[in-house]
């Protein structure tokens, strides 16, 4: 049985699924190795906090988004609409990535801006 969490921020209807059998946290466009676009920055911050707390109470083996936009070079993404990405990293992220996103969101506070981490880039639309 999958667990489903409301995870707005990227989109108001965004959801994340957790598979207790595999430990996969399936985050869709909310968290993945790429540009994390957010339509609602405060909601995104609450979602990241919810995901961190959720992962602290369950065995999460991988955080899996829906695609990859990053290169293997820290903080560097492929150009938008790139179809050939020979140097992309693996899709799976860790709970540690959720903690790093939470720290970046806290650092940016109520002044969101494009902010590159090694494995992903925060891209607020606000």
PDB file of N, CA and C in Angstrom:
ATOM      1  N   UNK A   1       0.844  -1.166   0.000  1.00  0.00           N
ATOM      2  CA  UNK A   1       0.000   0.000   0.000  1.00  0.00           C
ATOM      3  C   UNK A   1       0.898   1.241   0.000  1.00  0.00           C
ATOM      4  N   UNK A   2       0.641   2.162  -0.894  1.00  0.00           N
ATOM      5  CA  UNK A   2       1.400   3.413  -0.968  1.00  0.00           C
ATOM      6  C   UNK A   2       0.786   4.446  -0.039  1.00  0.00           C
ATOM      7  N   UNK A   3       1.632   5.305   0.513  1.00  0.00           N
ATOM      8  CA  UNK A   3       1.158   6.465   1.263  1.00  0.00           C
ATOM      9  C   UNK A   3       1.261   7.672   0.344  1.00  0.00           C
ATOM     10  N   UNK A   4       0.311   8.573   0.452  1.00  0.00           N
ATOM     11  CA  UNK A   4       0.277   9.762  -0.393  1.00  0.00           C
ATOM     12  C   UNK A   4       0.280  10.999   0.491  1.00  0.00           C
ATOM     13  N   UNK A   5       1.161  11.947   0.156  1.00  0.00           N
ATOM     14  CA  UNK A   5       1.248  13.202   0.893  1.00  0.00           C
ATOM     15  C   UNK A   5       0.968  14.355  -0.059  1.00  0.00           C
ATOM     16  N   UNK A   6       0.223  15.331   0.402  1.00  0.00           N
ATOM     17  CA  UNK A   6       0.069  16.573  -0.355  1.00  0.00           C
ATOM     18  C   UNK A   6       1.382  17.335  -0.231  1.00  0.00           C
ATOM     19  N   UNK A   7       1.953  17.718  -1.372  1.00  0.00           N
ATOM     20  CA  UNK A   7       3.245  18.414  -1.360  1.00  0.00           C
ATOM     21  C   UNK A   7       3.213  19.620  -2.303  1.00  0.00           C
ATOM     22  N   UNK A   8       2.349  20.587  -2.015  1.00  0.00           N
ATOM     23  CA  UNK A   8       2.270  21.766  -2.885  1.00  0.00           C
ATOM     24  C   UNK A   8       3.539  22.617  -2.808  1.00  0.00           C
ATOM     25  N   UNK A   9       3.666  23.468  -3.767  1.00  0.00           N
ATOM     26  CA  UNK A   9       4.827  24.360  -3.866  1.00  0.00           C
ATOM     27  C   UNK A   9       5.226  24.473  -5.325  1.00  0.00           C
ATOM     28  N   UNK A  10       5.593  23.333  -5.910  1.00  0.00           N
ATOM     29  CA  UNK A  10       5.832  23.328  -7.357  1.00  0.00           C
ATOM     30  C   UNK A  10       4.512  23.623  -8.064  1.00  0.00           C
ATOM     31  N   UNK A  11       3.480  22.953  -7.616  1.00  0.00           N
ATOM     32  CA  UNK A  11       2.125  23.134  -8.122  1.00  0.00           C
ATOM     33  C   UNK A  11       1.181  22.878  -6.959  1.00  0.00           C
ATOM     34  N   UNK A  12       0.058  23.541  -6.938  1.00  0.00           N
ATOM     35  CA  UNK A  12      -0.856  23.407  -5.802  1.00  0.00           C
ATOM     36  C   UNK A  12      -1.408  21.993  -5.637  1.00  0.00           C
ATOM     37  N   UNK A  13      -1.442  21.215  -6.710  1.00  0.00           N
ATOM     38  CA  UNK A  13      -1.980  19.858  -6.633  1.00  0.00           C
ATOM     39  C   UNK A  13      -0.893  18.790  -6.552  1.00  0.00           C
ATOM     40  N   UNK A  14       0.353  19.173  -6.324  1.00  0.00           N
ATOM     41  CA  UNK A  14       1.455  18.206  -6.288  1.00  0.00           C
ATOM     42  C   UNK A  14       1.296  17.226  -5.131  1.00  0.00           C
ATOM     43  N   UNK A  15       1.672  15.983  -5.398  1.00  0.00           N
ATOM     44  CA  UNK A  15       1.650  14.941  -4.373  1.00  0.00           C
ATOM     45  C   UNK A  15       2.956  14.169  -4.420  1.00  0.00           C
ATOM     46  N   UNK A  16       3.262  13.519  -3.306  1.00  0.00           N
ATOM     47  CA  UNK A  16       4.411  12.626  -3.194  1.00  0.00           C
ATOM     48  C   UNK A  16       3.898  11.290  -2.692  1.00  0.00           C
ATOM     49  N   UNK A  17       4.442  10.207  -3.236  1.00  0.00           N
ATOM     50  CA  UNK A  17       4.054   8.858  -2.811  1.00  0.00           C
ATOM     51  C   UNK A  17       5.228   8.198  -2.102  1.00  0.00           C
ATOM     52  N   UNK A  18       4.907   7.394  -1.099  1.00  0.00           N
ATOM     53  CA  UNK A  18       5.917   6.616  -0.392  1.00  0.00           C
ATOM     54  C   UNK A  18       5.548   5.145  -0.497  1.00  0.00           C
ATOM     55  N   UNK A  19       6.523   4.335  -0.917  1.00  0.00           N
ATOM     56  CA  UNK A  19       6.344   2.890  -1.008  1.00  0.00           C
ATOM     57  C   UNK A  19       7.098   2.249   0.156  1.00  0.00           C
ATOM     58  N   UNK A  20       6.398   1.782   1.181  1.00  0.00           N
ATOM     59  CA  UNK A  20       7.085   1.220   2.344  1.00  0.00           C
ATOM     60  C   UNK A  20       7.850  -0.074   2.043  1.00  0.00           C
ATOM     61  N   UNK A  21       7.480  -0.771   0.987  1.00  0.00           N
ATOM     62  CA  UNK A  21       8.164  -2.015   0.651  1.00  0.00           C
ATOM     63  C   UNK A  21       9.567  -1.748   0.122  1.00  0.00           C
ATOM     64  N   UNK A  22       9.717  -0.718  -0.722  1.00  0.00           N
ATOM     65  CA  UNK A  22      11.031  -0.390  -1.302  1.00  0.00           C
ATOM     66  C   UNK A  22      11.726   0.751  -0.558  1.00  0.00           C
ATOM     67  N   UNK A  23      10.947   1.551   0.169  1.00  0.00           N
ATOM     68  CA  UNK A  23      11.508   2.739   0.814  1.00  0.00           C
ATOM     69  C   UNK A  23      11.631   3.912  -0.140  1.00  0.00           C
ATOM     70  N   UNK A  24      11.027   3.807  -1.321  1.00  0.00           N
ATOM     71  CA  UNK A  24      11.102   4.892  -2.303  1.00  0.00           C
ATOM     72  C   UNK A  24      10.143   6.020  -1.925  1.00  0.00           C
ATOM     73  N   UNK A  25      10.652   7.240  -1.937  1.00  0.00           N
ATOM     74  CA  UNK A  25       9.848   8.448  -1.784  1.00  0.00           C
ATOM     75  C   UNK A  25       9.775   9.064  -3.173  1.00  0.00           C
ATOM     76  N   UNK A  26       8.618   8.980  -3.800  1.00  0.00           N
ATOM     77  CA  UNK A  26       8.421   9.371  -5.201  1.00  0.00           C
ATOM     78  C   UNK A  26       7.891  10.799  -5.242  1.00  0.00           C
ATOM     79  N   UNK A  27       8.778  11.742  -5.555  1.00  0.00           N
ATOM     80  CA  UNK A  27       8.485  13.163  -5.384  1.00  0.00           C
ATOM     81  C   UNK A  27       8.090  13.897  -6.659  1.00  0.00           C
ATOM     82  N   UNK A  28       8.067  13.240  -7.795  1.00  0.00           N
ATOM     83  CA  UNK A  28       7.653  13.899  -9.037  1.00  0.00           C
ATOM     84  C   UNK A  28       8.510  15.112  -9.351  1.00  0.00           C
ATOM     85  N   UNK A  29       7.848  16.246  -9.629  1.00  0.00           N
ATOM     86  CA  UNK A  29       8.565  17.489  -9.947  1.00  0.00           C
ATOM     87  C   UNK A  29       8.913  18.313  -8.706  1.00  0.00           C
ATOM     88  N   UNK A  30       8.596  17.807  -7.507  1.00  0.00           N
ATOM     89  CA  UNK A  30       8.878  18.566  -6.296  1.00  0.00           C
ATOM     90  C   UNK A  30      10.355  18.522  -5.940  1.00  0.00           C
ATOM     91  N   UNK A  31      10.965  17.334  -5.988  1.00  0.00           N
ATOM     92  CA  UNK A  31      12.398  17.172  -5.700  1.00  0.00           C
ATOM     93  C   UNK A  31      12.979  16.181  -6.695  1.00  0.00           C
ATOM     94  N   UNK A  32      13.984  16.604  -7.439  1.00  0.00           N
ATOM     95  CA  UNK A  32      14.675  15.757  -8.409  1.00  0.00           C
ATOM     96  C   UNK A  32      15.992  16.450  -8.757  1.00  0.00           C
ATOM     97  N   UNK A  33      16.921  15.779  -9.405  1.00  0.00           N
ATOM     98  CA  UNK A  33      18.180  16.423  -9.767  1.00  0.00           C
ATOM     99  C   UNK A  33      17.992  17.360 -10.968  1.00  0.00           C
ATOM    100  N   UNK A  34      17.523  18.551 -10.666  1.00  0.00           N
ATOM    101  CA  UNK A  34      17.253  19.526 -11.714  1.00  0.00           C
ATOM    102  C   UNK A  34      16.791  20.840 -11.138  1.00  0.00           C
ATOM    103  N   UNK A  35      16.062  21.596 -11.958  1.00  0.00           N
ATOM    104  CA  UNK A  35      15.557  22.912 -11.558  1.00  0.00           C
ATOM    105  C   UNK A  35      14.215  22.732 -10.846  1.00  0.00           C
ATOM    106  N   UNK A  36      14.190  23.040  -9.571  1.00  0.00           N
ATOM    107  CA  UNK A  36      12.970  22.892  -8.784  1.00  0.00           C
ATOM    108  C   UNK A  36      12.178  24.188  -8.866  1.00  0.00           C
ATOM    109  N   UNK A  37      11.284  24.243  -9.842  1.00  0.00           N
ATOM    110  CA  UNK A  37      10.441  25.425 -10.024  1.00  0.00           C
ATOM    111  C   UNK A  37       9.349  25.432  -8.970  1.00  0.00           C
ATOM    112  N   UNK A  38       9.116  26.584  -8.372  1.00  0.00           N
ATOM    113  CA  UNK A  38       8.081  26.687  -7.347  1.00  0.00           C
ATOM    114  C   UNK A  38       7.123  27.820  -7.697  1.00  0.00           C
ATOM    115  N   UNK A  39       5.838  27.488  -7.720  1.00  0.00           N
ATOM    116  CA  UNK A  39       4.800  28.501  -7.931  1.00  0.00           C
ATOM    117  C   UNK A  39       4.438  29.202  -6.631  1.00  0.00           C
ATOM    118  N   UNK A  40       4.675  28.511  -5.494  1.00  0.00           N
ATOM    119  CA  UNK A  40       4.309  29.058  -4.187  1.00  0.00           C
ATOM    120  C   UNK A  40       5.462  28.775  -3.222  1.00  0.00           C
ATOM    121  N   UNK A  41       6.328  29.771  -3.040  1.00  0.00           N
ATOM    122  CA  UNK A  41       7.528  29.605  -2.232  1.00  0.00           C
ATOM    123  C   UNK A  41       7.207  29.220  -0.780  1.00  0.00           C
ATOM    124  N   UNK A  42       6.287  29.898  -0.081  1.00  0.00           N
ATOM    125  CA  UNK A  42       5.983  29.478   1.291  1.00  0.00           C
ATOM    126  C   UNK A  42       5.457  28.035   1.361  1.00  0.00           C
ATOM    127  N   UNK A  43       4.614  27.645   0.419  1.00  0.00           N
ATOM    128  CA  UNK A  43       4.098  26.265   0.404  1.00  0.00           C
ATOM    129  C   UNK A  43       5.232  25.280   0.155  1.00  0.00           C
ATOM    130  N   UNK A  44       6.167  25.632  -0.717  1.00  0.00           N
ATOM    131  CA  UNK A  44       7.316  24.765  -0.982  1.00  0.00           C
ATOM    132  C   UNK A  44       8.130  24.566   0.294  1.00  0.00           C
ATOM    133  N   UNK A  45       8.365  25.629   1.030  1.00  0.00           N
ATOM    134  CA  UNK A  45       9.095  25.516   2.294  1.00  0.00           C
ATOM    135  C   UNK A  45       8.404  24.583   3.270  1.00  0.00           C
ATOM    136  N   UNK A  46       7.086  24.707   3.377  1.00  0.00           N
ATOM    137  CA  UNK A  46       6.320  23.812   4.263  1.00  0.00           C
ATOM    138  C   UNK A  46       6.384  22.360   3.765  1.00  0.00           C
ATOM    139  N   UNK A  47       6.355  22.187   2.457  1.00  0.00           N
ATOM    140  CA  UNK A  47       6.436  20.845   1.877  1.00  0.00           C
ATOM    141  C   UNK A  47       7.780  20.204   2.177  1.00  0.00           C
ATOM    142  N   UNK A  48       8.851  20.949   1.999  1.00  0.00           N
ATOM    143  CA  UNK A  48      10.175  20.389   2.283  1.00  0.00           C
ATOM    144  C   UNK A  48      10.269  19.986   3.748  1.00  0.00           C
ATOM    145  N   UNK A  49       9.769  20.829   4.628  1.00  0.00           N
ATOM    146  CA  UNK A  49       9.759  20.491   6.053  1.00  0.00           C
ATOM    147  C   UNK A  49       8.932  19.229   6.303  1.00  0.00           C
ATOM    148  N   UNK A  50       7.781  19.104   5.657  1.00  0.00           N
ATOM    149  CA  UNK A  50       6.929  17.917   5.798  1.00  0.00           C
ATOM    150  C   UNK A  50       7.666  16.670   5.310  1.00  0.00           C
ATOM    151  N   UNK A  51       8.381  16.777   4.180  1.00  0.00           N
ATOM    152  CA  UNK A  51       9.120  15.628   3.653  1.00  0.00           C
ATOM    153  C   UNK A  51      10.256  15.217   4.587  1.00  0.00           C
ATOM    154  N   UNK A  52      10.961  16.185   5.160  1.00  0.00           N
ATOM    155  CA  UNK A  52      12.036  15.866   6.112  1.00  0.00           C
ATOM    156  C   UNK A  52      11.454  15.125   7.312  1.00  0.00           C
ATOM    157  N   UNK A  53      10.392  15.649   7.890  1.00  0.00           N
ATOM    158  CA  UNK A  53       9.766  15.003   9.053  1.00  0.00           C
ATOM    159  C   UNK A  53       9.247  13.607   8.693  1.00  0.00           C
ATOM    160  N   UNK A  54       8.639  13.489   7.517  1.00  0.00           N
ATOM    161  CA  UNK A  54       8.129  12.200   7.060  1.00  0.00           C
ATOM    162  C   UNK A  54       9.273  11.190   6.962  1.00  0.00           C
ATOM    163  N   UNK A  55      10.381  11.603   6.356  1.00  0.00           N
ATOM    164  CA  UNK A  55      11.528  10.707   6.160  1.00  0.00           C
ATOM    165  C   UNK A  55      12.199  10.339   7.483  1.00  0.00           C
ATOM    166  N   UNK A  56      12.042  11.155   8.493  1.00  0.00           N
ATOM    167  CA  UNK A  56      12.600  10.825   9.807  1.00  0.00           C
ATOM    168  C   UNK A  56      11.802   9.721  10.498  1.00  0.00           C
ATOM    169  N   UNK A  57      10.581   9.494  10.057  1.00  0.00           N
ATOM    170  CA  UNK A  57       9.732   8.504  10.713  1.00  0.00           C
ATOM    171  C   UNK A  57       9.571   7.210   9.916  1.00  0.00           C
ATOM    172  N   UNK A  58      10.234   7.121   8.774  1.00  0.00           N
ATOM    173  CA  UNK A  58      10.129   5.935   7.928  1.00  0.00           C
ATOM    174  C   UNK A  58      11.472   5.665   7.259  1.00  0.00           C
ATOM    175  N   UNK A  59      11.733   4.413   6.907  1.00  0.00           N
ATOM    176  CA  UNK A  59      12.984   4.115   6.199  1.00  0.00           C
ATOM    177  C   UNK A  59      12.887   4.514   4.716  1.00  0.00           C
ATOM    178  N   UNK A  60      13.528   5.602   4.355  1.00  0.00           N
ATOM    179  CA  UNK A  60      13.546   6.064   2.962  1.00  0.00           C
ATOM    180  C   UNK A  60      14.883   5.645   2.346  1.00  0.00           C
ATOM    181  N   UNK A  61      14.817   4.822   1.308  1.00  0.00           N
ATOM    182  CA  UNK A  61      16.038   4.354   0.650  1.00  0.00           C
ATOM    183  C   UNK A  61      16.482   5.300  -0.461  1.00  0.00           C
ATOM    184  N   UNK A  62      15.519   5.874  -1.169  1.00  0.00           N
ATOM    185  CA  UNK A  62      15.817   6.797  -2.264  1.00  0.00           C
ATOM    186  C   UNK A  62      14.716   7.845  -2.356  1.00  0.00           C
ATOM    187  N   UNK A  63      15.107   9.051  -2.694  1.00  0.00           N
ATOM    188  CA  UNK A  63      14.167  10.109  -3.064  1.00  0.00           C
ATOM    189  C   UNK A  63      14.231  10.168  -4.585  1.00  0.00           C
ATOM    190  N   UNK A  64      13.110   9.870  -5.224  1.00  0.00           N
ATOM    191  CA  UNK A  64      13.083   9.746  -6.684  1.00  0.00           C
ATOM    192  C   UNK A  64      12.107  10.745  -7.297  1.00  0.00           C
ATOM    193  N   UNK A  65      12.641  11.666  -8.077  1.00  0.00           N
ATOM    194  CA  UNK A  65      11.817  12.591  -8.830  1.00  0.00           C
ATOM    195  C   UNK A  65      11.467  11.992 -10.173  1.00  0.00           C
ATOM    196  N   UNK A  66      11.036  12.852 -11.095  1.00  0.00           N
ATOM    197  CA  UNK A  66      10.536  12.323 -12.368  1.00  0.00           C
ATOM    198  C   UNK A  66      11.503  12.477 -13.540  1.00  0.00           C
ATOM    199  N   UNK A  67      12.580  13.237 -13.375  1.00  0.00           N
ATOM    200  CA  UNK A  67      13.536  13.364 -14.470  1.00  0.00           C
ATOM    201  C   UNK A  67      14.822  14.000 -13.968  1.00  0.00           C
ATOM    202  N   UNK A  68      15.781  14.170 -14.865  1.00  0.00           N
ATOM    203  CA  UNK A  68      17.094  14.717 -14.523  1.00  0.00           C
ATOM    204  C   UNK A  68      17.386  15.902 -15.442  1.00  0.00           C
ATOM    205  N   UNK A  69      17.885  16.992 -14.859  1.00  0.00           N
ATOM    206  CA  UNK A  69      18.297  18.161 -15.649  1.00  0.00           C
ATOM    207  C   UNK A  69      19.730  18.584 -15.335  1.00  0.00           C
ATOM    208  N   UNK A  70      20.347  17.932 -14.364  1.00  0.00           N
ATOM    209  CA  UNK A  70      21.687  18.326 -13.938  1.00  0.00           C
ATOM    210  C   UNK A  70      22.755  17.561 -14.711  1.00  0.00           C
ATOM    211  N   UNK A  71      23.949  18.144 -14.744  1.00  0.00           N
ATOM    212  CA  UNK A  71      25.130  17.446 -15.238  1.00  0.00           C
ATOM    213  C   UNK A  71      25.830  16.836 -14.023  1.00  0.00           C
ATOM    214  N   UNK A  72      26.927  16.140 -14.244  1.00  0.00           N
ATOM    215  CA  UNK A  72      27.701  15.596 -13.122  1.00  0.00           C
ATOM    216  C   UNK A  72      28.571  16.666 -12.470  1.00  0.00           C
ATOM    217  N   UNK A  73      28.666  17.837 -13.092  1.00  0.00           N
ATOM    218  CA  UNK A  73      29.424  18.942 -12.506  1.00  0.00           C
ATOM    219  C   UNK A  73      28.554  19.637 -11.459  1.00  0.00           C
ATOM    220  N   UNK A  74      29.036  19.757 -10.219  1.00  0.00           N
ATOM    221  CA  UNK A  74      28.219  20.333  -9.153  1.00  0.00           C
ATOM    222  C   UNK A  74      27.632  21.702  -9.511  1.00  0.00           C
ATOM    223  N   UNK A  75      26.312  21.830  -9.338  1.00  0.00           N
ATOM    224  CA  UNK A  75      25.625  23.089  -9.559  1.00  0.00           C
ATOM    225  C   UNK A  75      25.363  23.472 -10.992  1.00  0.00           C
ATOM    226  N   UNK A  76      25.692  22.596 -11.938  1.00  0.00           N
ATOM    227  CA  UNK A  76      25.539  22.926 -13.365  1.00  0.00           C
ATOM    228  C   UNK A  76      24.448  22.060 -13.984  1.00  0.00           C
ATOM    229  N   UNK A  77      23.456  22.729 -14.579  1.00  0.00           N
ATOM    230  CA  UNK A  77      22.362  22.026 -15.232  1.00  0.00           C
ATOM    231  C   UNK A  77      22.535  22.064 -16.745  1.00  0.00           C
ATOM    232  N   UNK A  78      21.818  21.172 -17.414  1.00  0.00           N
ATOM    233  CA  UNK A  78      21.774  21.196 -18.875  1.00  0.00           C
ATOM    234  C   UNK A  78      20.859  22.339 -19.314  1.00  0.00           C
ATOM    235  N   UNK A  79      21.100  22.909 -20.486  1.00  0.00           N
ATOM    236  CA  UNK A  79      20.195  23.949 -20.981  1.00  0.00           C
ATOM    237  C   UNK A  79      18.762  23.404 -21.128  1.00  0.00           C
ATOM    238  N   UNK A  80      17.805  24.278 -20.957  1.00  0.00           N
ATOM    239  CA  UNK A  80      16.395  23.902 -21.123  1.00  0.00           C
ATOM    240  C   UNK A  80      16.185  23.328 -22.518  1.00  0.00           C
ATOM    241  N   UNK A  81      15.386  22.280 -22.604  1.00  0.00           N
ATOM    242  CA  UNK A  81      15.037  21.545 -23.819  1.00  0.00           C
ATOM    243  C   UNK A  81      16.162  20.657 -24.366  1.00  0.00           C
ATOM    244  N   UNK A  82      17.204  20.445 -23.586  1.00  0.00           N
ATOM    245  CA  UNK A  82      18.256  19.521 -24.009  1.00  0.00           C
ATOM    246  C   UNK A  82      17.685  18.111 -24.078  1.00  0.00           C
ATOM    247  N   UNK A  83      17.984  17.395 -25.156  1.00  0.00           N
ATOM    248  CA  UNK A  83      17.485  16.022 -25.286  1.00  0.00           C
ATOM    249  C   UNK A  83      18.602  14.994 -25.172  1.00  0.00           C
ATOM    250  N   UNK A  84      19.841  15.418 -25.285  1.00  0.00           N
ATOM    251  CA  UNK A  84      20.974  14.499 -25.162  1.00  0.00           C
ATOM    252  C   UNK A  84      21.777  14.930 -23.938  1.00  0.00           C
ATOM    253  N   UNK A  85      21.781  14.078 -22.918  1.00  0.00           N
ATOM    254  CA  UNK A  85      22.424  14.412 -21.649  1.00  0.00           C
ATOM    255  C   UNK A  85      23.372  13.282 -21.248  1.00  0.00           C
ATOM    256  N   UNK A  86      24.500  13.149 -21.923  1.00  0.00           N
ATOM    257  CA  UNK A  86      25.378  11.997 -21.680  1.00  0.00           C
ATOM    258  C   UNK A  86      26.068  12.020 -20.312  1.00  0.00           C
ATOM    259  N   UNK A  87      26.138  13.160 -19.668  1.00  0.00           N
ATOM    260  CA  UNK A  87      26.827  13.262 -18.384  1.00  0.00           C
ATOM    261  C   UNK A  87      25.865  13.539 -17.233  1.00  0.00           C
ATOM    262  N   UNK A  88      24.658  12.997 -17.324  1.00  0.00           N
ATOM    263  CA  UNK A  88      23.717  13.243 -16.235  1.00  0.00           C
ATOM    264  C   UNK A  88      24.006  12.298 -15.067  1.00  0.00           C
ATOM    265  N   UNK A  89      23.727  12.762 -13.853  1.00  0.00           N
ATOM    266  CA  UNK A  89      23.916  11.921 -12.663  1.00  0.00           C
ATOM    267  C   UNK A  89      22.755  10.950 -12.517  1.00  0.00           C
ATOM    268  N   UNK A  90      22.828  10.053 -11.555  1.00  0.00           N
ATOM    269  CA  UNK A  90      21.696   9.150 -11.308  1.00  0.00           C
ATOM    270  C   UNK A  90      20.463   9.930 -10.844  1.00  0.00           C
ATOM    271  N   UNK A  91      19.301   9.351 -11.036  1.00  0.00           N
ATOM    272  CA  UNK A  91      18.054   9.983 -10.625  1.00  0.00           C
ATOM    273  C   UNK A  91      17.913  10.038  -9.107  1.00  0.00           C
ATOM    274  N   UNK A  92      18.364   8.996  -8.416  1.00  0.00           N
ATOM    275  CA  UNK A  92      18.084   8.911  -6.989  1.00  0.00           C
ATOM    276  C   UNK A  92      18.850   9.954  -6.181  1.00  0.00           C
ATOM    277  N   UNK A  93      18.097  10.564  -5.264  1.00  0.00           N
ATOM    278  CA  UNK A  93      18.660  11.472  -4.275  1.00  0.00           C
ATOM    279  C   UNK A  93      18.474  10.805  -2.910  1.00  0.00           C
ATOM    280  N   UNK A  94      18.892  11.494  -1.851  1.00  0.00           N
ATOM    281  CA  UNK A  94      18.817  10.929  -0.504  1.00  0.00           C
ATOM    282  C   UNK A  94      18.033  11.860   0.414  1.00  0.00           C
ATOM    283  N   UNK A  95      17.767  11.381   1.609  1.00  0.00           N
ATOM    284  CA  UNK A  95      17.145  12.223   2.623  1.00  0.00           C
ATOM    285  C   UNK A  95      18.061  13.404   2.943  1.00  0.00           C
ATOM    286  N   UNK A  96      19.359  13.211   2.837  1.00  0.00           N
ATOM    287  CA  UNK A  96      20.302  14.310   3.034  1.00  0.00           C
ATOM    288  C   UNK A  96      20.038  15.473   2.098  1.00  0.00           C
ATOM    289  N   UNK A  97      19.601  15.186   0.881  1.00  0.00           N
ATOM    290  CA  UNK A  97      19.245  16.255  -0.061  1.00  0.00           C
ATOM    291  C   UNK A  97      18.066  17.061   0.467  1.00  0.00           C
ATOM    292  N   UNK A  98      17.100  16.379   1.067  1.00  0.00           N
ATOM    293  CA  UNK A  98      15.955  17.101   1.643  1.00  0.00           C
ATOM    294  C   UNK A  98      16.426  18.053   2.734  1.00  0.00           C
ATOM    295  N   UNK A  99      17.372  17.621   3.536  1.00  0.00           N
ATOM    296  CA  UNK A  99      17.914  18.490   4.590  1.00  0.00           C
ATOM    297  C   UNK A  99      18.634  19.699   3.990  1.00  0.00           C
ATOM    298  N   UNK A 100      19.380  19.468   2.907  1.00  0.00           N
ATOM    299  CA  UNK A 100      20.090  20.585   2.253  1.00  0.00           C
ATOM    300  C   UNK A 100      19.112  21.567   1.613  1.00  0.00           C
ATOM    301  N   UNK A 101      18.027  21.049   1.038  1.00  0.00           N
ATOM    302  CA  UNK A 101      17.000  21.937   0.474  1.00  0.00           C
ATOM    303  C   UNK A 101      16.365  22.748   1.593  1.00  0.00           C
ATOM    304  N   UNK A 102      16.047  22.094   2.692  1.00  0.00           N
ATOM    305  CA  UNK A 102      15.453  22.804   3.832  1.00  0.00           C
ATOM    306  C   UNK A 102      16.381  23.922   4.315  1.00  0.00           C
ATOM    307  N   UNK A 103      17.670  23.654   4.406  1.00  0.00           N
ATOM    308  CA  UNK A 103      18.632  24.678   4.845  1.00  0.00           C
ATOM    309  C   UNK A 103      18.684  25.831   3.851  1.00  0.00           C
ATOM    310  N   UNK A 104      18.638  25.528   2.555  1.00  0.00           N
ATOM    311  CA  UNK A 104      18.671  26.586   1.535  1.00  0.00           C
ATOM    312  C   UNK A 104      17.406  27.434   1.591  1.00  0.00           C
ATOM    313  N   UNK A 105      16.256  26.794   1.771  1.00  0.00           N
ATOM    314  CA  UNK A 105      14.997  27.531   1.880  1.00  0.00           C
ATOM    315  C   UNK A 105      15.043  28.453   3.097  1.00  0.00           C
ATOM    316  N   UNK A 106      15.572  27.951   4.207  1.00  0.00           N
ATOM    317  CA  UNK A 106      15.692  28.788   5.411  1.00  0.00           C
ATOM    318  C   UNK A 106      16.647  29.952   5.175  1.00  0.00           C
ATOM    319  N   UNK A 107      17.742  29.689   4.482  1.00  0.00           N
ATOM    320  CA  UNK A 107      18.705  30.757   4.186  1.00  0.00           C
ATOM    321  C   UNK A 107      18.095  31.845   3.307  1.00  0.00           C
ATOM    322  N   UNK A 108      17.307  31.447   2.329  1.00  0.00           N
ATOM    323  CA  UNK A 108      16.687  32.418   1.428  1.00  0.00           C
ATOM    324  C   UNK A 108      15.523  33.148   2.096  1.00  0.00           C
ATOM    325  N   UNK A 109      14.879  32.495   3.055  1.00  0.00           N
ATOM    326  CA  UNK A 109      13.775  33.122   3.787  1.00  0.00           C
ATOM    327  C   UNK A 109      12.678  33.598   2.869  1.00  0.00           C
ATOM    328  N   UNK A 110      12.250  34.850   3.079  1.00  0.00           N
ATOM    329  CA  UNK A 110      11.158  35.387   2.260  1.00  0.00           C
ATOM    330  C   UNK A 110      11.680  36.145   1.039  1.00  0.00           C
ATOM    331  N   UNK A 111      12.937  35.896   0.671  1.00  0.00           N
ATOM    332  CA  UNK A 111      13.537  36.510  -0.519  1.00  0.00           C
ATOM    333  C   UNK A 111      14.037  35.424  -1.472  1.00  0.00           C
ATOM    334  N   UNK A 112      13.105  34.641  -2.027  1.00  0.00           N
ATOM    335  CA  UNK A 112      13.520  33.532  -2.892  1.00  0.00           C
ATOM    336  C   UNK A 112      14.195  34.025  -4.163  1.00  0.00           C
ATOM    337  N   UNK A 113      15.164  33.246  -4.611  1.00  0.00           N
ATOM    338  CA  UNK A 113      15.884  33.526  -5.854  1.00  0.00           C
ATOM    339  C   UNK A 113      16.478  32.218  -6.351  1.00  0.00           C
ATOM    340  N   UNK A 114      16.963  32.240  -7.568  1.00  0.00           N
ATOM    341  CA  UNK A 114      17.642  31.057  -8.104  1.00  0.00           C
ATOM    342  C   UNK A 114      18.826  30.757  -7.197  1.00  0.00           C
ATOM    343  N   UNK A 115      18.929  29.503  -6.783  1.00  0.00           N
ATOM    344  CA  UNK A 115      19.941  29.117  -5.803  1.00  0.00           C
ATOM    345  C   UNK A 115      20.429  27.710  -6.149  1.00  0.00           C
ATOM    346  N   UNK A 116      21.666  27.594  -6.582  1.00  0.00           N
ATOM    347  CA  UNK A 116      22.207  26.304  -7.009  1.00  0.00           C
ATOM    348  C   UNK A 116      22.839  25.553  -5.842  1.00  0.00           C
ATOM    349  N   UNK A 117      22.443  24.325  -5.687  1.00  0.00           N
ATOM    350  CA  UNK A 117      23.114  23.364  -4.825  1.00  0.00           C
ATOM    351  C   UNK A 117      23.880  22.421  -5.749  1.00  0.00           C
ATOM    352  N   UNK A 118      24.679  21.541  -5.217  1.00  0.00           N
ATOM    353  CA  UNK A 118      25.449  20.645  -6.081  1.00  0.00           C
ATOM    354  C   UNK A 118      24.579  19.815  -7.017  1.00  0.00           C
ATOM    355  N   UNK A 119      23.453  19.298  -6.509  1.00  0.00           N
ATOM    356  CA  UNK A 119      22.655  18.321  -7.251  1.00  0.00           C
ATOM    357  C   UNK A 119      21.327  18.836  -7.771  1.00  0.00           C
ATOM    358  N   UNK A 120      20.998  20.086  -7.483  1.00  0.00           N
ATOM    359  CA  UNK A 120      19.719  20.634  -7.920  1.00  0.00           C
ATOM    360  C   UNK A 120      19.769  22.150  -7.788  1.00  0.00           C
ATOM    361  N   UNK A 121      18.773  22.815  -8.370  1.00  0.00           N
ATOM    362  CA  UNK A 121      18.724  24.270  -8.353  1.00  0.00           C
ATOM    363  C   UNK A 121      17.320  24.703  -7.953  1.00  0.00           C
ATOM    364  N   UNK A 122      17.234  25.528  -6.929  1.00  0.00           N
ATOM    365  CA  UNK A 122      15.946  26.113  -6.542  1.00  0.00           C
ATOM    366  C   UNK A 122      15.638  27.239  -7.519  1.00  0.00           C
ATOM    367  N   UNK A 123      14.445  27.223  -8.101  1.00  0.00           N
ATOM    368  CA  UNK A 123      14.038  28.200  -9.110  1.00  0.00           C
ATOM    369  C   UNK A 123      12.653  28.731  -8.798  1.00  0.00           C
ATOM    370  N   UNK A 124      12.554  29.649  -7.841  1.00  0.00           N
ATOM    371  CA  UNK A 124      11.219  30.197  -7.522  1.00  0.00           C
ATOM    372  C   UNK A 124      10.648  31.007  -8.673  1.00  0.00           C
ATOM    373  N   UNK A 125       9.359  30.818  -8.940  1.00  0.00           N
ATOM    374  CA  UNK A 125       8.664  31.588  -9.969  1.00  0.00           C
ATOM    375  C   UNK A 125       8.097  32.880  -9.404  1.00  0.00           C
ATOM    376  N   UNK A 126       8.137  33.037  -8.074  1.00  0.00           N
ATOM    377  CA  UNK A 126       7.547  34.225  -7.425  1.00  0.00           C
ATOM    378  C   UNK A 126       8.292  35.486  -7.835  1.00  0.00           C
TER     379      UNK A 126
END
